[in-house]
Amino acid sequence: MIAGQIINGLMIGGLYALVAVGFTSGVGVLHRINFAHTEVFMVCGFAGLVIAQAVPSIPLAMAGAL
């Protein structure tokens, strides 16, 4: 039970870090905040959810994000 919570915490923390790096790189290059960046993460998340329900495969979800 505790190991599952640790894994969940690391996964959520990794996602937060990924979003933060995306925002930081967008602001660094464009000197503006790109709010469409979050839409890409939502589409990728939904694609991953649909693929995970059909076929439990992370590489397919990552390919759907492209």
Protein backbone atom coordinates (compact mmCIF):
# COMPACT_ATOMS: atom_id res chain seq x y z
CA MET A 1 0.00 0.00 0.00
CA ILE A 2 2.74 2.45 0.89
CA ALA A 3 4.78 1.49 -2.18
CA GLY A 4 1.75 2.24 -4.38
CA GLN A 5 1.37 5.67 -2.80
CA ILE A 6 5.05 6.41 -3.33
CA ILE A 7 4.80 5.42 -6.99
CA ASN A 8 1.66 7.55 -7.42
CA GLY A 9 3.38 10.51 -5.79
CA LEU A 10 6.41 10.16 -8.05
CA MET A 11 4.21 9.89 -11.15
CA ILE A 12 2.18 13.00 -10.26
CA GLY A 13 5.34 14.90 -9.31
CA GLY A 14 6.90 13.92 -12.63
CA LEU A 15 3.87 15.20 -14.51
CA TYR A 16 3.96 18.50 -12.61
CA ALA A 17 7.66 18.82 -13.42
CA LEU A 18 6.99 18.07 -17.09
CA VAL A 19 4.35 20.80 -17.28
CA ALA A 20 6.62 23.24 -15.43
CA VAL A 21 9.52 22.57 -17.79
CA GLY A 22 7.20 23.10 -20.76
CA PHE A 23 5.99 26.42 -19.41
CA THR A 24 9.52 27.51 -18.56
CA SER A 25 10.88 26.68 -21.99
CA GLY A 26 7.94 28.43 -23.66
CA VAL A 27 8.43 31.56 -21.61
CA GLY A 28 12.20 31.44 -22.19
CA VAL A 29 11.85 31.28 -25.96
CA LEU A 30 8.71 33.28 -26.66
CA HIS A 31 8.82 35.62 -23.64
CA ARG A 32 5.08 34.89 -23.29
CA ILE A 33 3.02 32.29 -21.47
CA ASN A 34 1.55 29.75 -23.86
CA PHE A 35 -1.71 28.53 -22.32
CA ALA A 36 -2.30 26.14 -25.24
CA HIS A 37 0.50 24.05 -23.73
CA THR A 38 -1.96 22.62 -21.19
CA GLU A 39 -4.34 21.60 -23.97
CA VAL A 40 -1.63 19.40 -25.45
CA PHE A 41 -1.19 17.68 -22.08
CA MET A 42 -4.95 17.11 -21.79
CA VAL A 43 -5.19 15.60 -25.28
CA CYS A 44 -2.22 13.36 -24.54
CA GLY A 45 -3.74 12.34 -21.22
CA PHE A 46 -7.04 11.40 -22.81
CA ALA A 47 -5.25 9.53 -25.60
CA GLY A 48 -3.26 7.64 -22.99
CA LEU A 49 -6.42 6.81 -21.06
CA VAL A 50 -8.21 5.47 -24.13
CA ILE A 51 -5.19 3.44 -25.20
CA ALA A 52 -4.59 2.12 -21.66
CA GLN A 53 -8.18 0.87 -21.47
CA ALA A 54 -7.85 -0.95 -24.77
CA VAL A 55 -4.20 -2.03 -24.70
CA PRO A 56 -2.07 -1.45 -21.58
CA SER A 57 0.91 -0.01 -23.40
CA ILE A 58 2.75 3.19 -22.54
CA PRO A 59 4.66 3.45 -25.87
CA LEU A 60 1.36 3.59 -27.77
CA ALA A 61 0.15 6.38 -25.50
CA MET A 62 3.39 8.26 -26.08
CA ALA A 63 3.04 7.84 -29.84
CA GLY A 64 -0.52 9.18 -29.60
CA ALA A 65 0.88 12.32 -27.99
CA LEU A 66 2.77 13.18 -31.15
